[in-house]
Each structure stands twice: as C-alpha cells, then as structure tokens.
C-alpha cells in the first residue's frame, strides 16, 4: 500500500472515531495543502495525491469496519460476554443502533469493541431491533447462552416490558436455559455522572 493510501486510511479512521462527516476529508486536505505551501512547498504535490474525497473516506471507513469485524470474529471465543446498546437518530433523522460487546475468556483476556452499527429509516419496533442484535451475534459467532448482561439507554423500543428489545432478549435466553437470567443495566453513564457530582460536592465540603 502506498504512503498516500495509508495516509488516507489514517485520516478516515480519525474522522470515524470522532464522528465527523465524511466530507471533512476534503476540508482536511485543503488544510494540508495550505500548510504545505507555507512550511514545505516542495512536498505540496505529495499532499495533493492523498485521496480524501467524500466517497473515498466513506469507502475507507467501510474497509476499516470490515477489517475490525474480521478481527473481532477471531477473538470472540468468550466464556461470558455482555452487550451495550444505544439507539438514537442522527441529523438526517436516521435511526442508529450501536452494539458494543464486552467479553472475557477463562484466562481473563478482555475484549471491548463496537460490534455493529445498524442504520435504518423510519420507526423501529423492539422486534426489529431484536432482529438486528440477533444478526450481529450470528455474524460474530456469539452464543446466546453466554450472554450475561445488557446495558441500554432509555429508548422505549429497548426498554418496553412486553414487546421491547430487552423482553425479547430475555425470552430468547429462557428458550435455551430457563434458569438463566440476564442482568439489565439502565443509563449507567448517567448514574456515574451523578455519583461523580455527589463525591465532588463531598470533597469540597471537607
């Protein structure tokens, strides 16, 4: 792989990690060219050959996602794992379901990765979300009987007692092992923030 292509992947990866628009690649390239013209004019042409168009950044991020998925598939021999789920809408009113996996092996090797991001238009029911989660687990080769817990936000489709995603997940686990009960955590980050605020206030008082 050429240095230009590697640079393109590195910048695309940073764009994805920081949740920036794909079109930011073109802005970054413009900044690189302006900087090169002021600092190292002889190398300006090298920066001009770095592919950072919107379509290229989108393809690069897709390549990185597929590579991470393949790596995760080789590391999911977990004895137990948990999931963190978050559903929200982006600026274009597209529903985004994020699925994070946290797994541990018998020799205490821990893996924590973003396993999938599913984008869908329109209203999604708890059953629809369950289908997405089930497909993610099948793709990675994760077994339902090894699922220990699930953390979610306060989305109604996730939390619904009768038809929500969590109810469907517990039903799925019960089909395999009637004695297995999942541990559900709700908005744990919010709780951590509250605890931090309380501890900070106590420290100030002391």
C-alpha atoms as a PDB file:
ATOM      1  CA  UNK A   1       0.000   0.000   0.000  1.00  0.00           C
ATOM      2  CA  UNK A   2       1.347   3.425  -0.941  1.00  0.00           C
ATOM      3  CA  UNK A   3       2.029   6.153   1.599  1.00  0.00           C
ATOM      4  CA  UNK A   4      -0.804   8.201   0.075  1.00  0.00           C
ATOM      5  CA  UNK A   5      -3.313   5.391   0.613  1.00  0.00           C
ATOM      6  CA  UNK A   6      -2.071   4.777   4.171  1.00  0.00           C
ATOM      7  CA  UNK A   7      -2.470   8.486   4.941  1.00  0.00           C
ATOM      8  CA  UNK A   8      -5.985   8.366   3.521  1.00  0.00           C
ATOM      9  CA  UNK A   9      -6.888   5.443   5.812  1.00  0.00           C
ATOM     10  CA  UNK A  10      -5.352   7.111   8.880  1.00  0.00           C
ATOM     11  CA  UNK A  11      -7.299  10.334   8.340  1.00  0.00           C
ATOM     12  CA  UNK A  12     -10.524   8.447   7.524  1.00  0.00           C
ATOM     13  CA  UNK A  13     -10.124   6.447  10.742  1.00  0.00           C
ATOM     14  CA  UNK A  14      -9.817   9.661  12.761  1.00  0.00           C
ATOM     15  CA  UNK A  15     -12.891  11.082  11.029  1.00  0.00           C
ATOM     16  CA  UNK A  16     -14.884   7.982  12.009  1.00  0.00           C
ATOM     17  CA  UNK A  17     -13.595   7.864  15.605  1.00  0.00           C
ATOM     18  CA  UNK A  18     -14.573  11.498  16.129  1.00  0.00           C
ATOM     19  CA  UNK A  19     -17.990  11.126  14.440  1.00  0.00           C
ATOM     20  CA  UNK A  20     -17.185  13.733  11.808  1.00  0.00           C
ATOM     21  CA  UNK A  21     -18.917  13.988   8.397  1.00  0.00           C
ATOM     22  CA  UNK A  22     -17.269  12.134   5.514  1.00  0.00           C
ATOM     23  CA  UNK A  23     -16.943  15.436   3.681  1.00  0.00           C
ATOM     24  CA  UNK A  24     -14.462  16.626   6.343  1.00  0.00           C
ATOM     25  CA  UNK A  25     -11.785  14.719   4.427  1.00  0.00           C
ATOM     26  CA  UNK A  26     -11.867  17.365   1.719  1.00  0.00           C
ATOM     27  CA  UNK A  27     -11.549  20.136   4.323  1.00  0.00           C
ATOM     28  CA  UNK A  28      -8.606  18.354   5.970  1.00  0.00           C
ATOM     29  CA  UNK A  29      -6.883  18.004   2.594  1.00  0.00           C
ATOM     30  CA  UNK A  30      -7.341  21.719   1.953  1.00  0.00           C
ATOM     31  CA  UNK A  31      -5.697  22.452   5.314  1.00  0.00           C
ATOM     32  CA  UNK A  32      -2.806  20.103   4.484  1.00  0.00           C
ATOM     33  CA  UNK A  33      -2.200  21.802   1.146  1.00  0.00           C
ATOM     34  CA  UNK A  34      -2.264  25.288   2.650  1.00  0.00           C
ATOM     35  CA  UNK A  35       0.125  24.188   5.406  1.00  0.00           C
ATOM     36  CA  UNK A  36       2.489  22.525   2.944  1.00  0.00           C
ATOM     37  CA  UNK A  37       2.566  25.673   0.814  1.00  0.00           C
ATOM     38  CA  UNK A  38       3.684  27.708   3.834  1.00  0.00           C
ATOM     39  CA  UNK A  39       6.012  25.206   5.508  1.00  0.00           C
ATOM     40  CA  UNK A  40       7.305  22.736   2.916  1.00  0.00           C
ATOM     41  CA  UNK A  41       6.378  23.819  -0.595  1.00  0.00           C
ATOM     42  CA  UNK A  42       8.465  21.039  -2.182  1.00  0.00           C
ATOM     43  CA  UNK A  43       6.135  18.423  -0.663  1.00  0.00           C
ATOM     44  CA  UNK A  44       2.835  20.055  -1.624  1.00  0.00           C
ATOM     45  CA  UNK A  45       2.386  17.675  -4.549  1.00  0.00           C
ATOM     46  CA  UNK A  46       2.611  14.697  -2.200  1.00  0.00           C
ATOM     47  CA  UNK A  47      -0.361  16.014  -0.194  1.00  0.00           C
ATOM     48  CA  UNK A  48      -2.297  16.687  -3.399  1.00  0.00           C
ATOM     49  CA  UNK A  49      -2.132  12.952  -4.173  1.00  0.00           C
ATOM     50  CA  UNK A  50      -3.758  11.896  -0.868  1.00  0.00           C
ATOM     51  CA  UNK A  51      -7.305  10.718  -1.773  1.00  0.00           C
ATOM     52  CA  UNK A  52      -9.758  12.279   0.698  1.00  0.00           C
ATOM     53  CA  UNK A  53     -12.953  12.876  -1.266  1.00  0.00           C
ATOM     54  CA  UNK A  54     -16.256  12.149   0.467  1.00  0.00           C
ATOM     55  CA  UNK A  55     -16.728   8.902  -1.454  1.00  0.00           C
ATOM     56  CA  UNK A  56     -13.158   7.786  -0.723  1.00  0.00           C
ATOM     57  CA  UNK A  57     -13.492   8.483   3.001  1.00  0.00           C
ATOM     58  CA  UNK A  58     -16.752   6.520   3.040  1.00  0.00           C
ATOM     59  CA  UNK A  59     -15.071   3.539   1.334  1.00  0.00           C
ATOM     60  CA  UNK A  60     -12.064   3.732   3.675  1.00  0.00           C
ATOM     61  CA  UNK A  61     -14.291   3.700   6.758  1.00  0.00           C
ATOM     62  CA  UNK A  62     -16.194   0.739   5.315  1.00  0.00           C
ATOM     63  CA  UNK A  63     -12.912  -1.130   4.779  1.00  0.00           C
ATOM     64  CA  UNK A  64     -11.804  -0.376   8.344  1.00  0.00           C
ATOM     65  CA  UNK A  65     -15.161  -1.542   9.744  1.00  0.00           C
ATOM     66  CA  UNK A  66     -14.999  -4.838   7.834  1.00  0.00           C
ATOM     67  CA  UNK A  67     -11.423  -5.418   8.977  1.00  0.00           C
ATOM     68  CA  UNK A  68     -12.380  -4.792  12.614  1.00  0.00           C
ATOM     69  CA  UNK A  69     -15.280  -7.206  12.230  1.00  0.00           C
ATOM     70  CA  UNK A  70     -12.954  -9.917  10.942  1.00  0.00           C
ATOM     71  CA  UNK A  71     -10.532  -9.304  13.816  1.00  0.00           C
ATOM     72  CA  UNK A  72     -13.380  -9.469  16.320  1.00  0.00           C
ATOM     73  CA  UNK A  73     -14.630 -12.750  14.833  1.00  0.00           C
ATOM     74  CA  UNK A  74     -11.252 -14.313  15.701  1.00  0.00           C
ATOM     75  CA  UNK A  75     -11.388 -13.009  19.280  1.00  0.00           C
ATOM     76  CA  UNK A  76     -14.933 -13.892  20.357  1.00  0.00           C
ATOM     77  CA  UNK A  77     -14.207 -17.236  21.973  1.00  0.00           C
ATOM     78  CA  UNK A  78     -15.705 -15.784  25.140  1.00  0.00           C
ATOM     79  CA  UNK A  79     -16.810 -17.698  28.192  1.00  0.00           C
ATOM     80  CA  UNK A  80     -19.129 -14.814  29.019  1.00  0.00           C
ATOM     81  CA  UNK A  81     -19.984 -11.544  27.336  1.00  0.00           C
ATOM     82  CA  UNK A  82     -22.254  -8.554  27.778  1.00  0.00           C
ATOM     83  CA  UNK A  83     -23.745  -6.044  25.366  1.00  0.00           C
ATOM     84  CA  UNK A  84     -24.219  -2.280  25.477  1.00  0.00           C
ATOM     85  CA  UNK A  85     -26.943  -0.923  23.190  1.00  0.00           C
ATOM     86  CA  UNK A  86     -27.728   2.630  22.188  1.00  0.00           C
ATOM     87  CA  UNK A  87     -30.353   3.864  19.746  1.00  0.00           C
ATOM     88  CA  UNK A  88     -30.521   7.447  18.587  1.00  0.00           C
ATOM     89  CA  UNK A  89     -31.257   9.496  15.473  1.00  0.00           C
ATOM     90  CA  UNK A  90     -28.630  11.441  13.563  1.00  0.00           C
ATOM     91  CA  UNK A  91     -29.057  14.871  11.959  1.00  0.00           C
ATOM     92  CA  UNK A  92     -30.830  13.280   8.984  1.00  0.00           C
ATOM     93  CA  UNK A  93     -33.384  11.504  11.206  1.00  0.00           C
ATOM     94  CA  UNK A  94     -31.782   8.128  10.514  1.00  0.00           C
ATOM     95  CA  UNK A  95     -32.027   5.687  13.413  1.00  0.00           C
ATOM     96  CA  UNK A  96     -28.624   4.393  14.511  1.00  0.00           C
ATOM     97  CA  UNK A  97     -28.406   1.269  16.660  1.00  0.00           C
ATOM     98  CA  UNK A  98     -24.949   0.870  18.180  1.00  0.00           C
ATOM     99  CA  UNK A  99     -23.993  -2.556  19.550  1.00  0.00           C
ATOM    100  CA  UNK A 100     -20.939  -2.838  21.795  1.00  0.00           C
ATOM    101  CA  UNK A 101     -19.613  -6.180  23.028  1.00  0.00           C
ATOM    102  CA  UNK A 102     -17.573  -6.765  26.186  1.00  0.00           C
ATOM    103  CA  UNK A 103     -16.263 -10.305  26.544  1.00  0.00           C
ATOM    104  CA  UNK A 104     -13.928 -12.252  28.810  1.00  0.00           C
ATOM    105  CA  UNK A 105     -12.190 -15.619  28.426  1.00  0.00           C
ATOM    106  CA  UNK A 106     -11.216 -18.169  31.079  1.00  0.00           C
ATOM    107  CA  UNK A 107      -7.687 -16.731  31.179  1.00  0.00           C
ATOM    108  CA  UNK A 108      -9.188 -13.255  31.849  1.00  0.00           C
ATOM    109  CA  UNK A 109      -8.448 -11.759  28.448  1.00  0.00           C
ATOM    110  CA  UNK A 110     -10.932  -8.935  27.978  1.00  0.00           C
ATOM    111  CA  UNK A 111     -12.196  -7.580  24.667  1.00  0.00           C
ATOM    112  CA  UNK A 112     -14.380  -4.496  24.337  1.00  0.00           C
ATOM    113  CA  UNK A 113     -15.307  -3.342  20.852  1.00  0.00           C
ATOM    114  CA  UNK A 114     -18.028  -1.704  18.779  1.00  0.00           C
ATOM    115  CA  UNK A 115     -19.542  -4.801  17.184  1.00  0.00           C
ATOM    116  CA  UNK A 116     -22.022  -3.192  14.795  1.00  0.00           C
ATOM    117  CA  UNK A 117     -23.826  -0.018  13.794  1.00  0.00           C
ATOM    118  CA  UNK A 118     -27.151  -0.514  12.049  1.00  0.00           C
ATOM    119  CA  UNK A 119     -28.707   2.456  10.227  1.00  0.00           C
ATOM    120  CA  UNK A 120     -32.415   2.362   9.397  1.00  0.00           C
ATOM    121  CA  UNK A 121     -35.066   4.807   8.256  1.00  0.00           C
ATOM    122  CA  UNK A 122     -38.486   5.048   9.876  1.00  0.00           C
ATOM    123  CA  UNK A 123     -39.822   3.763  13.181  1.00  0.00           C
ATOM    124  CA  UNK A 124     -38.227   0.611  14.564  1.00  0.00           C
ATOM    125  CA  UNK A 125     -40.039  -1.718  16.952  1.00  0.00           C
ATOM    126  CA  UNK A 126     -38.488  -3.833  19.675  1.00  0.00           C
ATOM    127  CA  UNK A 127     -38.850  -6.848  17.383  1.00  0.00           C
ATOM    128  CA  UNK A 128     -36.957  -5.056  14.607  1.00  0.00           C
ATOM    129  CA  UNK A 129     -34.118  -4.195  16.984  1.00  0.00           C
ATOM    130  CA  UNK A 130     -34.012  -7.774  18.257  1.00  0.00           C
ATOM    131  CA  UNK A 131     -33.568  -8.981  14.675  1.00  0.00           C
ATOM    132  CA  UNK A 132     -30.595  -6.624  14.278  1.00  0.00           C
ATOM    133  CA  UNK A 133     -28.971  -7.779  17.531  1.00  0.00           C
ATOM    134  CA  UNK A 134     -29.563 -11.435  16.687  1.00  0.00           C
ATOM    135  CA  UNK A 135     -27.968 -10.949  13.248  1.00  0.00           C
ATOM    136  CA  UNK A 136     -24.944  -9.265  14.854  1.00  0.00           C
ATOM    137  CA  UNK A 137     -24.434 -12.164  17.274  1.00  0.00           C
ATOM    138  CA  UNK A 138     -24.781 -14.695  14.447  1.00  0.00           C
ATOM    139  CA  UNK A 139     -22.236 -12.825  12.315  1.00  0.00           C
ATOM    140  CA  UNK A 140     -19.683 -12.820  15.138  1.00  0.00           C
ATOM    141  CA  UNK A 141     -20.444 -16.371  16.258  1.00  0.00           C
ATOM    142  CA  UNK A 142     -21.559 -15.305  19.749  1.00  0.00           C
ATOM    143  CA  UNK A 143     -23.807 -17.719  21.657  1.00  0.00           C
ATOM    144  CA  UNK A 144     -26.906 -16.511  23.463  1.00  0.00           C
ATOM    145  CA  UNK A 145     -26.279 -18.878  26.372  1.00  0.00           C
ATOM    146  CA  UNK A 146     -23.048 -17.000  27.146  1.00  0.00           C
ATOM    147  CA  UNK A 147     -24.732 -13.600  27.321  1.00  0.00           C
ATOM    148  CA  UNK A 148     -24.583 -12.328  30.908  1.00  0.00           C
ATOM    149  CA  UNK A 149     -25.937  -8.790  30.793  1.00  0.00           C
ATOM    150  CA  UNK A 150     -27.183  -5.875  28.717  1.00  0.00           C
ATOM    151  CA  UNK A 151     -26.778  -2.130  29.223  1.00  0.00           C
ATOM    152  CA  UNK A 152     -29.138   0.281  27.423  1.00  0.00           C
ATOM    153  CA  UNK A 153     -30.279   3.871  27.282  1.00  0.00           C
ATOM    154  CA  UNK A 154     -33.892   4.897  27.964  1.00  0.00           C
ATOM    155  CA  UNK A 155     -35.241   4.310  24.454  1.00  0.00           C
ATOM    156  CA  UNK A 156     -38.811   2.941  24.604  1.00  0.00           C
ATOM    157  CA  UNK A 157     -38.135   0.321  21.928  1.00  0.00           C
ATOM    158  CA  UNK A 158     -35.295  -1.013  24.060  1.00  0.00           C
ATOM    159  CA  UNK A 159     -36.997  -0.871  27.448  1.00  0.00           C
ATOM    160  CA  UNK A 160     -40.579  -1.970  26.667  1.00  0.00           C
ATOM    161  CA  UNK A 161     -41.665  -4.632  29.173  1.00  0.00           C
ATOM    162  CA  UNK A 162     -43.919  -6.567  26.813  1.00  0.00           C
ATOM    163  CA  UNK A 163     -42.522  -6.124  23.299  1.00  0.00           C
ATOM    164  CA  UNK A 164     -39.280  -4.219  23.860  1.00  0.00           C
ATOM    165  CA  UNK A 165     -35.890  -5.500  22.826  1.00  0.00           C
ATOM    166  CA  UNK A 166     -34.885  -6.494  26.372  1.00  0.00           C
ATOM    167  CA  UNK A 167     -38.003  -8.617  26.782  1.00  0.00           C
ATOM    168  CA  UNK A 168     -37.249 -10.389  23.505  1.00  0.00           C
ATOM    169  CA  UNK A 169     -33.649 -10.977  24.568  1.00  0.00           C
ATOM    170  CA  UNK A 170     -34.677 -12.488  27.900  1.00  0.00           C
ATOM    171  CA  UNK A 171     -37.229 -14.693  26.135  1.00  0.00           C
ATOM    172  CA  UNK A 172     -34.517 -15.892  23.728  1.00  0.00           C
ATOM    173  CA  UNK A 173     -32.182 -16.796  26.587  1.00  0.00           C
ATOM    174  CA  UNK A 174     -35.011 -18.516  28.500  1.00  0.00           C
ATOM    175  CA  UNK A 175     -35.732 -20.713  25.483  1.00  0.00           C
ATOM    176  CA  UNK A 176     -32.181 -22.067  25.744  1.00  0.00           C
ATOM    177  CA  UNK A 177     -31.866 -22.171  29.541  1.00  0.00           C
ATOM    178  CA  UNK A 178     -34.985 -21.489  31.679  1.00  0.00           C
ATOM    179  CA  UNK A 179     -32.734 -20.786  34.689  1.00  0.00           C
ATOM    180  CA  UNK A 180     -30.632 -18.098  33.017  1.00  0.00           C
ATOM    181  CA  UNK A 181     -31.495 -14.522  33.940  1.00  0.00           C
ATOM    182  CA  UNK A 182     -29.872 -11.588  32.205  1.00  0.00           C
ATOM    183  CA  UNK A 183     -28.609  -8.618  34.207  1.00  0.00           C
ATOM    184  CA  UNK A 184     -30.046  -5.389  32.775  1.00  0.00           C
ATOM    185  CA  UNK A 185     -28.391  -2.030  33.479  1.00  0.00           C
ATOM    186  CA  UNK A 186     -30.077   1.227  32.527  1.00  0.00           C
ATOM    187  CA  UNK A 187     -28.350   4.534  31.730  1.00  0.00           C
ATOM    188  CA  UNK A 188     -25.285   3.577  33.774  1.00  0.00           C
ATOM    189  CA  UNK A 189     -23.302   6.572  32.462  1.00  0.00           C
ATOM    190  CA  UNK A 190     -25.912   8.948  33.881  1.00  0.00           C
ATOM    191  CA  UNK A 191     -25.617   7.199  37.239  1.00  0.00           C
ATOM    192  CA  UNK A 192     -21.833   7.510  37.127  1.00  0.00           C
ATOM    193  CA  UNK A 193     -22.121  11.251  36.453  1.00  0.00           C
ATOM    194  CA  UNK A 194     -24.480  11.665  39.407  1.00  0.00           C
ATOM    195  CA  UNK A 195     -22.121   9.718  41.676  1.00  0.00           C
ATOM    196  CA  UNK A 196     -19.207  11.843  40.496  1.00  0.00           C
ATOM    197  CA  UNK A 197     -21.132  15.032  41.279  1.00  0.00           C
ATOM    198  CA  UNK A 198     -22.011  13.804  44.771  1.00  0.00           C
ATOM    199  CA  UNK A 199     -18.433  12.762  45.509  1.00  0.00           C
ATOM    200  CA  UNK A 200     -17.137  16.101  44.213  1.00  0.00           C
ATOM    201  CA  UNK A 201     -19.537  18.001  46.473  1.00  0.00           C
ATOM    202  CA  UNK A 202     -18.500  15.888  49.485  1.00  0.00           C
ATOM    203  CA  UNK A 203     -14.835  16.552  48.742  1.00  0.00           C
ATOM    204  CA  UNK A 204     -15.486  20.306  48.527  1.00  0.00           C
ATOM    205  CA  UNK A 205     -17.341  20.294  51.847  1.00  0.00           C
ATOM    206  CA  UNK A 206     -14.468  18.508  53.551  1.00  0.00           C
END
